[in-house]
Each structure stands twice: as structure tokens, then as C-alpha cells.
Amino acid sequence: MEDSVEVMLLHKSRKLSQHTQEKSLFTAASGALLMGVYGLWTLFALPGFWKIPACLKVPYLPSSRTQTQNVMKLLHGRAGCLADLGSGDGRLVFAATVEGFQCTGFEINSILTGYARVKAKWKGIPFSTASFVNQDFWKTNLSKYNNMTVFLAPGVMEVLGRKLEKELPDEARVIACRFPFPDWTPTATEGDGLDQAWAYDMNTIRKLSTHTIMR
């Protein structure tokens, strides 16, 4: 009888040990999977993570089709050079080239830049019409652009506004997607909710800024 009890206890102990080992393997595999997913997210959602100051870092968020359409409505009737700040996979640039703009997409994530370049080549869009540069727009003089699209995070919009006021020509129009400039008064707006876009004309912004200072 005692032998039977010992056998039963030994069998139960072995099953418990096996279950513990399987649980440990599952935990380790889950951890490895999560680390892999986090690594991919870091590559695509945190462009140039180590290249720019923490206060200016912006995650990659692709614009929706509706949002892109709203941007194009606010650019209707305009022409010339367009810069897309944080161009991601290039969807806003591609939409703007259809409307006749000469576009430059600024993207600090080299993987997204490479993807956009390949897509442009596949679409048959010449480099003179749409170019994608792996470059930090914060360190770039943007004065040659009279059209600009921006889809960044709310925390950087005030700083960006000051940079654009210094550099852009009076005839420039800036389109902000989802997050407006906190200190600027928009000329027009399209859409609502997450797809809303705002248009700002630099000559109006400067006049309002001058009027505020004089007061």
C-alpha cells in the first residue's frame, strides 16, 4: 500500500514538474514574441529614435484616405513646390503629385523612406516630381516651399509654428492634419474628428502676429 502511494506521489510530482517546464517555455516564447513585435514597432513607429531630441520625436501615424482627401481640398487651386513633413510611406506626396505639385517628402526613418522611393518607382513617378529624403526637417531651411503638409504630434506644433514663421514665404500655405497649430488662426478647415485638416496662410499668420505684438 505504501509503495502504491509513493508511486502515485512520484507520478504527480513528475506531472507538476512537466507542467511547470511547459509554462516556463510558453512564458519565454511569449516574451520573445513581444520583444520582436516591439522591435518592429520601434523601427516603424519611432522614426530616427536616436537622431533627434526627445521633445521633437513623433511616432509614425499614416493618414487615412478621408484625411488625404481633406488635405487635397485645402490645396485646391494651388501649385508649386510642396513639402510633406514626416512623409511616412508617401501617401500624401503621391496624392499631391496627381494634382500637379512638385513634392519632397521629409522622413527620418530610412526604412519608410526606402519604401516610399520603391513605391514611387513602381508607380512610374519621376524623381523630379516626387522625391523622398532621409533628412531631419528640423535642421533644414524650408524657405523654398510655398505649400506644406504636416501630420505630427500636438507636442511639437508650437515649436514647428515658430520655425515656419521664420522660414516660409508669405504666399505659403500650411496644412495641418488632425492636430492644429495652437497659436495660429486657420484660413479654412475640412472634415471633422480624426480626419480634420486645417489650412493656414502665412501672410495672414504674420499679419495677426504683428497686430498682437503692437497691441
N, C-alpha and C. Protein backbone atom coordinates (compact mmCIF):
# COMPACT_ATOMS: atom_id res chain seq x y z
N MET A 1 0.84 -1.21 0.00
CA MET A 1 0.00 0.00 0.00
C MET A 1 0.88 1.26 0.00
N GLU A 2 1.93 1.25 0.85
CA GLU A 2 2.83 2.39 0.91
C GLU A 2 3.53 2.60 -0.42
N ASP A 3 3.89 1.47 -1.09
CA ASP A 3 4.54 1.57 -2.40
C ASP A 3 3.63 2.23 -3.42
N SER A 4 2.35 1.89 -3.37
CA SER A 4 1.37 2.47 -4.31
C SER A 4 1.25 3.97 -4.10
N VAL A 5 1.25 4.38 -2.82
CA VAL A 5 1.14 5.81 -2.52
C VAL A 5 2.37 6.55 -3.03
N GLU A 6 3.56 5.95 -2.83
CA GLU A 6 4.80 6.57 -3.29
C GLU A 6 4.80 6.72 -4.81
N VAL A 7 4.30 5.68 -5.50
CA VAL A 7 4.23 5.73 -6.97
C VAL A 7 3.30 6.84 -7.42
N MET A 8 2.15 6.96 -6.74
CA MET A 8 1.19 7.99 -7.09
C MET A 8 1.77 9.38 -6.86
N LEU A 9 2.47 9.57 -5.74
CA LEU A 9 3.07 10.86 -5.43
C LEU A 9 4.17 11.21 -6.42
N LEU A 10 4.96 10.18 -6.79
CA LEU A 10 6.04 10.40 -7.75
C LEU A 10 5.48 10.79 -9.11
N HIS A 11 4.39 10.11 -9.52
CA HIS A 11 3.75 10.41 -10.80
C HIS A 11 3.19 11.83 -10.82
N LYS A 12 2.58 12.21 -9.69
CA LYS A 12 2.01 13.56 -9.59
C LYS A 12 3.11 14.61 -9.60
N SER A 13 4.22 14.31 -8.95
CA SER A 13 5.34 15.24 -8.92
C SER A 13 5.93 15.44 -10.31
N ARG A 14 6.02 14.35 -11.08
CA ARG A 14 6.55 14.44 -12.44
C ARG A 14 5.63 15.28 -13.34
N LYS A 15 4.30 15.08 -13.19
CA LYS A 15 3.34 15.85 -13.99
C LYS A 15 3.43 17.33 -13.65
N LEU A 16 3.58 17.63 -12.34
CA LEU A 16 3.68 19.02 -11.91
C LEU A 16 4.94 19.66 -12.47
N SER A 17 6.05 18.90 -12.45
CA SER A 17 7.31 19.41 -12.98
C SER A 17 7.22 19.66 -14.47
N GLN A 18 6.55 18.71 -15.19
CA GLN A 18 6.39 18.87 -16.63
C GLN A 18 5.53 20.08 -16.96
N HIS A 19 4.46 20.28 -16.18
CA HIS A 19 3.57 21.43 -16.39
C HIS A 19 4.32 22.74 -16.15
N THR A 20 5.18 22.75 -15.11
CA THR A 20 5.96 23.95 -14.80
C THR A 20 6.92 24.27 -15.93
N GLN A 21 7.58 23.22 -16.49
CA GLN A 21 8.51 23.43 -17.61
C GLN A 21 7.79 23.97 -18.84
N GLU A 22 6.59 23.40 -19.13
CA GLU A 22 5.82 23.87 -20.29
C GLU A 22 5.39 25.32 -20.11
N LYS A 23 5.01 25.67 -18.87
CA LYS A 23 4.60 27.04 -18.59
C LYS A 23 5.77 28.01 -18.76
N SER A 24 6.96 27.57 -18.32
CA SER A 24 8.15 28.41 -18.45
C SER A 24 8.50 28.62 -19.92
N LEU A 25 8.39 27.53 -20.72
CA LEU A 25 8.67 27.65 -22.15
C LEU A 25 7.68 28.58 -22.83
N PHE A 26 6.40 28.49 -22.45
CA PHE A 26 5.37 29.35 -23.02
C PHE A 26 5.63 30.81 -22.66
N THR A 27 6.03 31.05 -21.40
CA THR A 27 6.33 32.41 -20.96
C THR A 27 7.51 32.99 -21.72
N ALA A 28 8.55 32.15 -21.90
CA ALA A 28 9.74 32.61 -22.63
C ALA A 28 9.41 32.91 -24.08
N ALA A 29 8.60 32.02 -24.72
CA ALA A 29 8.22 32.22 -26.12
C ALA A 29 7.38 33.48 -26.28
N SER A 30 6.46 33.70 -25.33
CA SER A 30 5.61 34.89 -25.38
C SER A 30 6.46 36.16 -25.22
N GLY A 31 7.42 36.10 -24.32
CA GLY A 31 8.30 37.25 -24.12
C GLY A 31 9.11 37.56 -25.36
N ALA A 32 9.62 36.51 -26.01
CA ALA A 32 10.40 36.70 -27.24
C ALA A 32 9.54 37.30 -28.34
N LEU A 33 8.30 36.82 -28.45
CA LEU A 33 7.38 37.34 -29.46
C LEU A 33 7.08 38.82 -29.21
N LEU A 34 6.82 39.17 -27.96
CA LEU A 34 6.53 40.56 -27.62
C LEU A 34 7.72 41.47 -27.90
N MET A 35 8.92 40.97 -27.62
CA MET A 35 10.13 41.75 -27.90
C MET A 35 10.29 41.97 -29.40
N GLY A 36 9.96 40.92 -30.19
CA GLY A 36 10.04 41.05 -31.64
C GLY A 36 9.06 42.07 -32.17
N VAL A 37 7.82 42.01 -31.67
CA VAL A 37 6.79 42.97 -32.09
C VAL A 37 7.20 44.38 -31.69
N TYR A 38 7.74 44.53 -30.47
CA TYR A 38 8.18 45.85 -30.01
C TYR A 38 9.32 46.38 -30.87
N GLY A 39 10.22 45.47 -31.28
CA GLY A 39 11.32 45.88 -32.14
C GLY A 39 10.83 46.41 -33.47
N LEU A 40 9.87 45.70 -34.08
CA LEU A 40 9.31 46.17 -35.35
C LEU A 40 8.57 47.48 -35.17
N TRP A 41 7.83 47.60 -34.09
CA TRP A 41 7.09 48.85 -33.82
C TRP A 41 8.07 50.02 -33.66
N THR A 42 9.19 49.75 -32.98
CA THR A 42 10.20 50.80 -32.79
C THR A 42 10.77 51.26 -34.12
N LEU A 43 11.00 50.30 -35.04
CA LEU A 43 11.56 50.65 -36.34
C LEU A 43 10.64 51.55 -37.15
N PHE A 44 9.33 51.21 -37.13
CA PHE A 44 8.40 51.93 -37.99
C PHE A 44 7.69 53.08 -37.29
N ALA A 45 7.38 52.93 -36.01
CA ALA A 45 6.58 53.96 -35.33
C ALA A 45 7.42 55.04 -34.66
N LEU A 46 8.71 54.77 -34.45
CA LEU A 46 9.57 55.78 -33.84
C LEU A 46 10.71 56.12 -34.78
N PRO A 47 10.43 56.87 -35.83
CA PRO A 47 11.44 57.18 -36.83
C PRO A 47 12.63 57.93 -36.27
N GLY A 48 13.84 57.47 -36.63
CA GLY A 48 15.06 58.16 -36.22
C GLY A 48 15.13 58.37 -34.72
N PHE A 49 14.79 57.33 -33.95
CA PHE A 49 14.64 57.46 -32.50
C PHE A 49 15.83 58.14 -31.83
N TRP A 50 17.04 57.77 -32.28
CA TRP A 50 18.23 58.29 -31.62
C TRP A 50 18.77 59.56 -32.29
N LYS A 51 18.16 60.01 -33.39
CA LYS A 51 18.73 61.09 -34.17
C LYS A 51 18.21 62.47 -33.80
N ILE A 52 17.09 62.54 -33.12
CA ILE A 52 16.50 63.86 -32.81
C ILE A 52 16.20 63.97 -31.33
N PRO A 53 16.13 65.20 -30.80
CA PRO A 53 15.86 65.39 -29.37
C PRO A 53 14.53 64.76 -28.96
N ALA A 54 14.47 64.34 -27.70
CA ALA A 54 13.27 63.65 -27.20
C ALA A 54 12.01 64.49 -27.36
N CYS A 55 12.13 65.80 -27.16
CA CYS A 55 10.95 66.68 -27.22
C CYS A 55 10.39 66.82 -28.64
N LEU A 56 11.16 66.41 -29.66
CA LEU A 56 10.72 66.56 -31.04
C LEU A 56 10.40 65.22 -31.70
N LYS A 57 10.47 64.13 -30.95
CA LYS A 57 10.19 62.81 -31.52
C LYS A 57 8.70 62.64 -31.78
N VAL A 58 8.39 62.08 -32.94
CA VAL A 58 7.00 61.89 -33.34
C VAL A 58 6.80 60.48 -33.88
N PRO A 59 5.81 59.73 -33.38
CA PRO A 59 5.57 58.38 -33.89
C PRO A 59 4.97 58.40 -35.29
N TYR A 60 5.15 57.32 -36.03
CA TYR A 60 4.58 57.22 -37.38
C TYR A 60 3.10 56.88 -37.30
N LEU A 61 2.28 57.75 -37.85
CA LEU A 61 0.83 57.53 -37.92
C LEU A 61 0.38 57.82 -39.35
N PRO A 62 0.03 56.81 -40.13
CA PRO A 62 -0.38 57.05 -41.52
C PRO A 62 -1.71 57.78 -41.60
N SER A 63 -1.83 58.68 -42.54
CA SER A 63 -3.09 59.41 -42.74
C SER A 63 -4.11 58.52 -43.43
N SER A 64 -5.36 58.72 -43.09
CA SER A 64 -6.44 57.94 -43.69
C SER A 64 -6.77 58.49 -45.08
N ARG A 65 -7.55 57.72 -45.84
CA ARG A 65 -7.96 58.18 -47.17
C ARG A 65 -8.79 59.46 -47.08
N THR A 66 -9.71 59.51 -46.12
CA THR A 66 -10.55 60.70 -45.94
C THR A 66 -9.70 61.91 -45.57
N GLN A 67 -8.73 61.71 -44.70
CA GLN A 67 -7.86 62.80 -44.30
C GLN A 67 -7.05 63.32 -45.49
N THR A 68 -6.55 62.40 -46.31
CA THR A 68 -5.80 62.79 -47.51
C THR A 68 -6.68 63.61 -48.45
N GLN A 69 -7.93 63.19 -48.61
CA GLN A 69 -8.86 63.93 -49.46
C GLN A 69 -9.12 65.33 -48.92
N ASN A 70 -9.23 65.45 -47.60
CA ASN A 70 -9.45 66.76 -46.99
C ASN A 70 -8.25 67.69 -47.24
N VAL A 71 -7.06 67.13 -47.17
CA VAL A 71 -5.85 67.91 -47.44
C VAL A 71 -5.85 68.42 -48.88
N MET A 72 -6.21 67.54 -49.80
CA MET A 72 -6.22 67.92 -51.22
C MET A 72 -7.26 69.01 -51.50
N LYS A 73 -8.38 68.98 -50.79
CA LYS A 73 -9.39 70.03 -50.95
C LYS A 73 -8.83 71.38 -50.52
N LEU A 74 -8.05 71.39 -49.45
CA LEU A 74 -7.48 72.64 -48.94
C LEU A 74 -6.33 73.14 -49.81
N LEU A 75 -5.79 72.28 -50.66
CA LEU A 75 -4.73 72.68 -51.59
C LEU A 75 -5.27 72.97 -52.98
N HIS A 76 -6.57 72.84 -53.16
CA HIS A 76 -7.17 73.03 -54.48
C HIS A 76 -6.89 74.44 -55.02
N GLY A 77 -6.48 74.50 -56.29
CA GLY A 77 -6.21 75.77 -56.93
C GLY A 77 -4.80 76.29 -56.71
N ARG A 78 -3.99 75.56 -55.95
CA ARG A 78 -2.62 75.99 -55.69
C ARG A 78 -1.64 75.17 -56.55
N ALA A 79 -0.41 75.65 -56.62
CA ALA A 79 0.61 74.98 -57.42
C ALA A 79 1.98 75.25 -56.81
N GLY A 80 3.01 74.64 -57.39
CA GLY A 80 4.38 74.91 -56.95
C GLY A 80 4.98 73.76 -56.18
N CYS A 81 5.92 74.11 -55.30
CA CYS A 81 6.66 73.11 -54.52
C CYS A 81 5.94 72.80 -53.21
N LEU A 82 5.88 71.54 -52.88
CA LEU A 82 5.21 71.10 -51.65
C LEU A 82 6.15 70.23 -50.84
N ALA A 83 6.20 70.48 -49.54
CA ALA A 83 6.96 69.64 -48.62
C ALA A 83 6.00 68.94 -47.67
N ASP A 84 6.20 67.64 -47.51
CA ASP A 84 5.42 66.88 -46.54
C ASP A 84 6.36 66.51 -45.40
N LEU A 85 6.11 67.07 -44.23
CA LEU A 85 6.99 66.85 -43.08
C LEU A 85 6.60 65.59 -42.33
N GLY A 86 7.50 64.63 -42.33
CA GLY A 86 7.19 63.32 -41.76
C GLY A 86 6.33 62.54 -42.73
N SER A 87 6.89 62.29 -43.94
CA SER A 87 6.08 61.77 -45.05
C SER A 87 5.73 60.28 -44.94
N GLY A 88 6.36 59.55 -44.02
CA GLY A 88 5.98 58.16 -43.81
C GLY A 88 6.10 57.31 -45.06
N ASP A 89 5.00 56.65 -45.43
CA ASP A 89 5.01 55.78 -46.62
C ASP A 89 4.74 56.54 -47.91
N GLY A 90 4.58 57.87 -47.83
CA GLY A 90 4.48 58.69 -49.03
C GLY A 90 3.09 58.94 -49.57
N ARG A 91 2.05 58.51 -48.86
CA ARG A 91 0.70 58.59 -49.42
C ARG A 91 0.23 60.02 -49.71
N LEU A 92 0.59 60.98 -48.84
CA LEU A 92 0.20 62.37 -49.10
C LEU A 92 0.97 62.96 -50.28
N VAL A 93 2.22 62.58 -50.39
CA VAL A 93 3.04 63.04 -51.52
C VAL A 93 2.47 62.52 -52.83
N PHE A 94 2.12 61.25 -52.87
CA PHE A 94 1.58 60.66 -54.10
C PHE A 94 0.26 61.33 -54.50
N ALA A 95 -0.58 61.63 -53.51
CA ALA A 95 -1.84 62.31 -53.80
C ALA A 95 -1.58 63.71 -54.35
N ALA A 96 -0.58 64.40 -53.81
CA ALA A 96 -0.28 65.76 -54.25
C ALA A 96 0.33 65.80 -55.66
N THR A 97 1.09 64.78 -56.02
CA THR A 97 1.68 64.75 -57.37
C THR A 97 0.59 64.63 -58.44
N VAL A 98 -0.49 63.95 -58.10
CA VAL A 98 -1.61 63.82 -59.04
C VAL A 98 -2.20 65.20 -59.35
N GLU A 99 -2.13 66.11 -58.36
CA GLU A 99 -2.67 67.46 -58.53
C GLU A 99 -1.65 68.42 -59.14
N GLY A 100 -0.48 67.91 -59.51
CA GLY A 100 0.50 68.72 -60.22
C GLY A 100 1.58 69.37 -59.38
N PHE A 101 1.65 69.05 -58.09
CA PHE A 101 2.68 69.62 -57.23
C PHE A 101 4.03 68.92 -57.44
N GLN A 102 5.10 69.69 -57.25
CA GLN A 102 6.44 69.10 -57.18
C GLN A 102 6.73 68.87 -55.71
N CYS A 103 6.84 67.61 -55.33
CA CYS A 103 6.82 67.26 -53.91
C CYS A 103 8.15 66.72 -53.38
N THR A 104 8.39 67.06 -52.12
CA THR A 104 9.50 66.49 -51.37
C THR A 104 8.96 65.95 -50.05
N GLY A 105 9.22 64.69 -49.79
CA GLY A 105 8.81 64.09 -48.53
C GLY A 105 9.99 63.99 -47.60
N PHE A 106 9.89 64.62 -46.44
CA PHE A 106 10.95 64.55 -45.43
C PHE A 106 10.61 63.44 -44.45
N GLU A 107 11.48 62.46 -44.33
CA GLU A 107 11.24 61.34 -43.43
C GLU A 107 12.57 60.85 -42.86
N ILE A 108 12.69 60.86 -41.53
CA ILE A 108 13.95 60.50 -40.90
C ILE A 108 14.11 58.99 -40.73
N ASN A 109 13.03 58.25 -40.92
CA ASN A 109 13.10 56.78 -40.84
C ASN A 109 13.52 56.24 -42.20
N SER A 110 14.72 55.69 -42.28
CA SER A 110 15.27 55.22 -43.56
C SER A 110 14.46 54.07 -44.17
N ILE A 111 13.83 53.27 -43.33
CA ILE A 111 13.02 52.15 -43.84
C ILE A 111 11.79 52.69 -44.57
N LEU A 112 11.11 53.67 -43.97
CA LEU A 112 9.94 54.27 -44.61
C LEU A 112 10.33 55.05 -45.85
N THR A 113 11.48 55.73 -45.79
CA THR A 113 11.96 56.46 -46.96
C THR A 113 12.22 55.52 -48.13
N GLY A 114 12.88 54.40 -47.83
CA GLY A 114 13.15 53.40 -48.87
C GLY A 114 11.88 52.83 -49.46
N TYR A 115 10.92 52.56 -48.60
CA TYR A 115 9.63 52.02 -49.07
C TYR A 115 8.95 53.01 -50.00
N ALA A 116 8.93 54.29 -49.62
CA ALA A 116 8.27 55.33 -50.43
C ALA A 116 8.97 55.47 -51.79
N ARG A 117 10.28 55.40 -51.81
CA ARG A 117 11.03 55.51 -53.06
C ARG A 117 10.71 54.35 -54.00
N VAL A 118 10.65 53.15 -53.44
CA VAL A 118 10.31 51.97 -54.25
C VAL A 118 8.89 52.09 -54.80
N LYS A 119 7.98 52.56 -53.96
CA LYS A 119 6.59 52.71 -54.39
C LYS A 119 6.47 53.76 -55.49
N ALA A 120 7.23 54.86 -55.37
CA ALA A 120 7.21 55.90 -56.40
C ALA A 120 7.72 55.36 -57.73
N LYS A 121 8.77 54.55 -57.66
CA LYS A 121 9.31 53.95 -58.88
C LYS A 121 8.31 52.99 -59.49
N TRP A 122 7.66 52.21 -58.65
CA TRP A 122 6.65 51.25 -59.12
C TRP A 122 5.47 51.97 -59.77
N LYS A 123 5.12 53.15 -59.24
CA LYS A 123 4.02 53.95 -59.79
C LYS A 123 4.44 54.70 -61.05
N GLY A 124 5.75 54.73 -61.33
CA GLY A 124 6.24 55.45 -62.50
C GLY A 124 6.32 56.94 -62.31
N ILE A 125 6.46 57.39 -61.05
CA ILE A 125 6.54 58.82 -60.76
C ILE A 125 8.01 59.24 -60.81
N PRO A 126 8.38 60.18 -61.66
CA PRO A 126 9.78 60.60 -61.77
C PRO A 126 10.28 61.30 -60.51
N PHE A 127 11.59 61.24 -60.29
CA PHE A 127 12.20 61.86 -59.12
C PHE A 127 11.99 63.36 -59.10
N SER A 128 11.90 63.98 -60.28
CA SER A 128 11.69 65.43 -60.36
C SER A 128 10.31 65.85 -59.87
N THR A 129 9.38 64.89 -59.84
CA THR A 129 8.01 65.17 -59.38
C THR A 129 7.81 64.83 -57.91
N ALA A 130 8.41 63.73 -57.48
CA ALA A 130 8.28 63.30 -56.09
C ALA A 130 9.59 62.71 -55.60
N SER A 131 10.20 63.37 -54.65
CA SER A 131 11.44 62.87 -54.06
C SER A 131 11.24 62.66 -52.56
N PHE A 132 11.91 61.65 -52.05
CA PHE A 132 11.84 61.35 -50.62
C PHE A 132 13.24 61.40 -50.04
N VAL A 133 13.44 62.27 -49.06
CA VAL A 133 14.77 62.47 -48.49
C VAL A 133 14.81 61.99 -47.04
N ASN A 134 15.84 61.23 -46.75
CA ASN A 134 16.05 60.75 -45.38
C ASN A 134 16.78 61.85 -44.62
N GLN A 135 16.01 62.85 -44.19
CA GLN A 135 16.60 64.08 -43.67
C GLN A 135 15.75 64.66 -42.55
N ASP A 136 16.38 65.23 -41.56
CA ASP A 136 15.70 65.86 -40.43
C ASP A 136 15.23 67.26 -40.83
N PHE A 137 13.93 67.44 -40.99
CA PHE A 137 13.43 68.74 -41.44
C PHE A 137 13.64 69.84 -40.40
N TRP A 138 13.84 69.46 -39.14
CA TRP A 138 14.11 70.46 -38.11
C TRP A 138 15.42 71.20 -38.39
N LYS A 139 16.34 70.53 -39.07
CA LYS A 139 17.65 71.12 -39.37
C LYS A 139 17.74 71.62 -40.81
N THR A 140 16.59 71.69 -41.49
CA THR A 140 16.56 72.07 -42.90
C THR A 140 15.85 73.41 -43.08
N ASN A 141 16.40 74.26 -43.93
CA ASN A 141 15.74 75.52 -44.27
C ASN A 141 14.63 75.21 -45.28
N LEU A 142 13.40 75.57 -44.93
CA LEU A 142 12.23 75.20 -45.74
C LEU A 142 11.70 76.37 -46.57
N SER A 143 12.52 77.38 -46.76
CA SER A 143 12.05 78.63 -47.39
C SER A 143 11.64 78.49 -48.85
N LYS A 144 12.06 77.44 -49.54
CA LYS A 144 11.73 77.33 -50.96
C LYS A 144 10.35 76.72 -51.22
N TYR A 145 9.67 76.29 -50.15
CA TYR A 145 8.37 75.63 -50.32
C TYR A 145 7.22 76.61 -50.08
N ASN A 146 6.28 76.64 -51.02
CA ASN A 146 5.11 77.50 -50.85
C ASN A 146 3.85 76.71 -50.51
N ASN A 147 4.03 75.41 -50.32
CA ASN A 147 2.95 74.54 -49.84
C ASN A 147 3.56 73.52 -48.88
N MET A 148 2.83 73.23 -47.81
CA MET A 148 3.39 72.31 -46.82
C MET A 148 2.27 71.52 -46.16
N THR A 149 2.50 70.22 -45.99
CA THR A 149 1.56 69.38 -45.25
C THR A 149 2.27 68.83 -44.02
N VAL A 150 1.54 68.79 -42.92
CA VAL A 150 2.12 68.42 -41.63
C VAL A 150 1.17 67.47 -40.91
N PHE A 151 1.66 66.28 -40.55
CA PHE A 151 0.89 65.38 -39.71
C PHE A 151 1.84 64.88 -38.63
N LEU A 152 1.93 65.68 -37.57
CA LEU A 152 2.85 65.39 -36.47
C LEU A 152 2.08 65.29 -35.15
N ALA A 153 2.79 65.30 -34.04
CA ALA A 153 2.15 65.20 -32.74
C ALA A 153 1.86 66.59 -32.17
N PRO A 154 0.83 66.72 -31.33
CA PRO A 154 0.47 68.03 -30.79
C PRO A 154 1.59 68.69 -30.00
N GLY A 155 2.46 67.90 -29.39
CA GLY A 155 3.53 68.46 -28.57
C GLY A 155 4.59 69.24 -29.32
N VAL A 156 4.67 69.07 -30.66
CA VAL A 156 5.71 69.76 -31.43
C VAL A 156 5.14 70.89 -32.29
N MET A 157 3.84 71.07 -32.30
CA MET A 157 3.22 72.02 -33.23
C MET A 157 3.59 73.47 -32.93
N GLU A 158 3.69 73.81 -31.67
CA GLU A 158 4.04 75.19 -31.31
C GLU A 158 5.47 75.52 -31.76
N VAL A 159 6.40 74.59 -31.51
CA VAL A 159 7.80 74.79 -31.91
C VAL A 159 7.90 74.85 -33.44
N LEU A 160 7.18 73.98 -34.11
CA LEU A 160 7.20 73.97 -35.58
C LEU A 160 6.63 75.28 -36.13
N GLY A 161 5.59 75.79 -35.51
CA GLY A 161 4.99 77.04 -35.95
C GLY A 161 6.00 78.19 -35.95
N ARG A 162 6.81 78.25 -34.90
CA ARG A 162 7.82 79.30 -34.83
C ARG A 162 8.86 79.15 -35.94
N LYS A 163 9.24 77.92 -36.24
CA LYS A 163 10.21 77.67 -37.31
C LYS A 163 9.63 78.09 -38.66
N LEU A 164 8.38 77.73 -38.93
CA LEU A 164 7.77 78.03 -40.22
C LEU A 164 7.55 79.54 -40.39
N GLU A 165 7.20 80.22 -39.31
CA GLU A 165 7.02 81.68 -39.40
C GLU A 165 8.32 82.38 -39.80
N LYS A 166 9.44 81.84 -39.39
CA LYS A 166 10.74 82.43 -39.72
C LYS A 166 11.16 82.13 -41.16
N GLU A 167 10.77 80.95 -41.67
CA GLU A 167 11.36 80.47 -42.92
C GLU A 167 10.45 80.53 -44.15
N LEU A 168 9.17 80.30 -44.01
CA LEU A 168 8.31 80.19 -45.18
C LEU A 168 8.00 81.54 -45.81
N PRO A 169 7.82 81.58 -47.14
CA PRO A 169 7.44 82.83 -47.81
C PRO A 169 6.01 83.23 -47.47
N ASP A 170 5.66 84.49 -47.70
CA ASP A 170 4.32 84.99 -47.36
C ASP A 170 3.21 84.25 -48.11
N GLU A 171 3.51 83.79 -49.34
CA GLU A 171 2.47 83.12 -50.14
C GLU A 171 2.28 81.66 -49.78
N ALA A 172 3.02 81.18 -48.79
CA ALA A 172 2.94 79.76 -48.43
C ALA A 172 1.64 79.42 -47.72
N ARG A 173 1.18 78.20 -47.95
CA ARG A 173 0.03 77.67 -47.23
C ARG A 173 0.46 76.38 -46.53
N VAL A 174 0.11 76.26 -45.26
CA VAL A 174 0.45 75.09 -44.46
C VAL A 174 -0.83 74.35 -44.10
N ILE A 175 -0.83 73.05 -44.34
CA ILE A 175 -1.98 72.21 -43.99
C ILE A 175 -1.59 71.31 -42.83
N ALA A 176 -2.32 71.41 -41.73
CA ALA A 176 -2.08 70.56 -40.56
C ALA A 176 -3.16 69.49 -40.48
N CYS A 177 -2.73 68.26 -40.32
CA CYS A 177 -3.66 67.13 -40.23
C CYS A 177 -3.87 66.71 -38.78
N ARG A 178 -5.10 66.58 -38.39
CA ARG A 178 -5.54 66.07 -37.08
C ARG A 178 -5.20 66.99 -35.91
N PHE A 179 -3.98 67.53 -35.89
CA PHE A 179 -3.57 68.39 -34.77
C PHE A 179 -3.26 69.79 -35.29
N PRO A 180 -4.04 70.80 -34.90
CA PRO A 180 -3.82 72.18 -35.40
C PRO A 180 -2.66 72.86 -34.69
N PHE A 181 -2.22 73.97 -35.27
CA PHE A 181 -1.23 74.82 -34.61
C PHE A 181 -1.93 75.58 -33.49
N PRO A 182 -1.45 75.49 -32.27
CA PRO A 182 -2.19 76.09 -31.13
C PRO A 182 -2.29 77.61 -31.16
N ASP A 183 -1.30 78.29 -31.77
CA ASP A 183 -1.28 79.75 -31.74
C ASP A 183 -1.66 80.39 -33.08
N TRP A 184 -2.06 79.60 -34.04
CA TRP A 184 -2.40 80.12 -35.36
C TRP A 184 -3.91 80.11 -35.61
N THR A 185 -4.37 81.06 -36.40
CA THR A 185 -5.78 81.11 -36.79
C THR A 185 -5.91 80.54 -38.21
N PRO A 186 -6.69 79.49 -38.39
CA PRO A 186 -6.79 78.88 -39.72
C PRO A 186 -7.59 79.73 -40.71
N THR A 187 -7.20 79.62 -41.97
CA THR A 187 -7.94 80.28 -43.05
C THR A 187 -9.15 79.46 -43.44
N ALA A 188 -8.99 78.13 -43.39
CA ALA A 188 -10.08 77.22 -43.76
C ALA A 188 -9.85 75.89 -43.07
N THR A 189 -10.89 75.07 -43.05
CA THR A 189 -10.78 73.73 -42.46
C THR A 189 -11.67 72.77 -43.23
N GLU A 190 -11.30 71.50 -43.21
CA GLU A 190 -12.09 70.46 -43.87
C GLU A 190 -12.19 69.24 -42.96
N GLY A 191 -13.38 68.62 -42.96
CA GLY A 191 -13.58 67.40 -42.20
C GLY A 191 -13.79 67.66 -40.72
N ASP A 192 -13.88 66.55 -39.96
CA ASP A 192 -14.02 66.66 -38.51
C ASP A 192 -13.41 65.44 -37.85
N GLY A 193 -13.32 65.49 -36.54
CA GLY A 193 -12.78 64.36 -35.79
C GLY A 193 -11.32 64.09 -36.15
N LEU A 194 -10.98 62.82 -36.24
CA LEU A 194 -9.60 62.42 -36.52
C LEU A 194 -9.16 62.76 -37.94
N ASP A 195 -10.11 63.00 -38.83
CA ASP A 195 -9.77 63.30 -40.23
C ASP A 195 -9.75 64.80 -40.54
N GLN A 196 -9.89 65.63 -39.53
CA GLN A 196 -9.94 67.07 -39.78
C GLN A 196 -8.57 67.61 -40.19
N ALA A 197 -8.60 68.60 -41.08
CA ALA A 197 -7.38 69.28 -41.53
C ALA A 197 -7.62 70.79 -41.53
N TRP A 198 -6.56 71.54 -41.24
CA TRP A 198 -6.64 72.99 -41.15
C TRP A 198 -5.66 73.62 -42.14
N ALA A 199 -6.08 74.71 -42.80
CA ALA A 199 -5.21 75.44 -43.72
C ALA A 199 -4.83 76.78 -43.11
N TYR A 200 -3.54 77.09 -43.19
CA TYR A 200 -3.03 78.36 -42.66
C TYR A 200 -2.24 79.08 -43.75
N ASP A 201 -2.56 80.35 -43.98
CA ASP A 201 -1.82 81.16 -44.95
C ASP A 201 -0.83 82.04 -44.20
N MET A 202 0.44 81.97 -44.60
CA MET A 202 1.49 82.63 -43.84
C MET A 202 1.34 84.14 -43.80
N ASN A 203 0.85 84.74 -44.89
CA ASN A 203 0.69 86.20 -44.85
C ASN A 203 -0.32 86.62 -43.78
N THR A 204 -1.39 85.83 -43.63
CA THR A 204 -2.39 86.10 -42.59
C THR A 204 -1.82 85.88 -41.20
N ILE A 205 -1.06 84.78 -41.04
CA ILE A 205 -0.46 84.47 -39.74
C ILE A 205 0.48 85.59 -39.31
N ARG A 206 1.28 86.09 -40.24
CA ARG A 206 2.24 87.15 -39.89
C ARG A 206 1.53 88.47 -39.56
N LYS A 207 0.46 88.76 -40.29
CA LYS A 207 -0.30 89.98 -40.01
C LYS A 207 -0.91 89.93 -38.62
N LEU A 208 -1.47 88.77 -38.28
CA LEU A 208 -2.08 88.62 -36.96
C LEU A 208 -1.03 88.68 -35.86
N SER A 209 0.15 88.10 -36.12
CA SER A 209 1.23 88.12 -35.13
C SER A 209 1.70 89.54 -34.90
N THR A 210 1.85 90.31 -35.99
CA THR A 210 2.28 91.71 -35.89
C THR A 210 1.26 92.55 -35.13
N HIS A 211 -0.01 92.32 -35.43
CA HIS A 211 -1.10 93.05 -34.76
C HIS A 211 -1.09 92.75 -33.27
N THR A 212 -0.85 91.50 -32.91
CA THR A 212 -0.84 91.09 -31.49
C THR A 212 0.32 91.76 -30.76
N ILE A 213 1.50 91.81 -31.42
CA ILE A 213 2.68 92.43 -30.80
C ILE A 213 2.45 93.93 -30.59
N MET A 214 1.83 94.59 -31.58
CA MET A 214 1.59 96.03 -31.49
C MET A 214 0.61 96.37 -30.37
N ARG A 215 -0.31 95.47 -30.11
CA ARG A 215 -1.27 95.70 -29.04
C ARG A 215 -0.57 95.56 -27.68
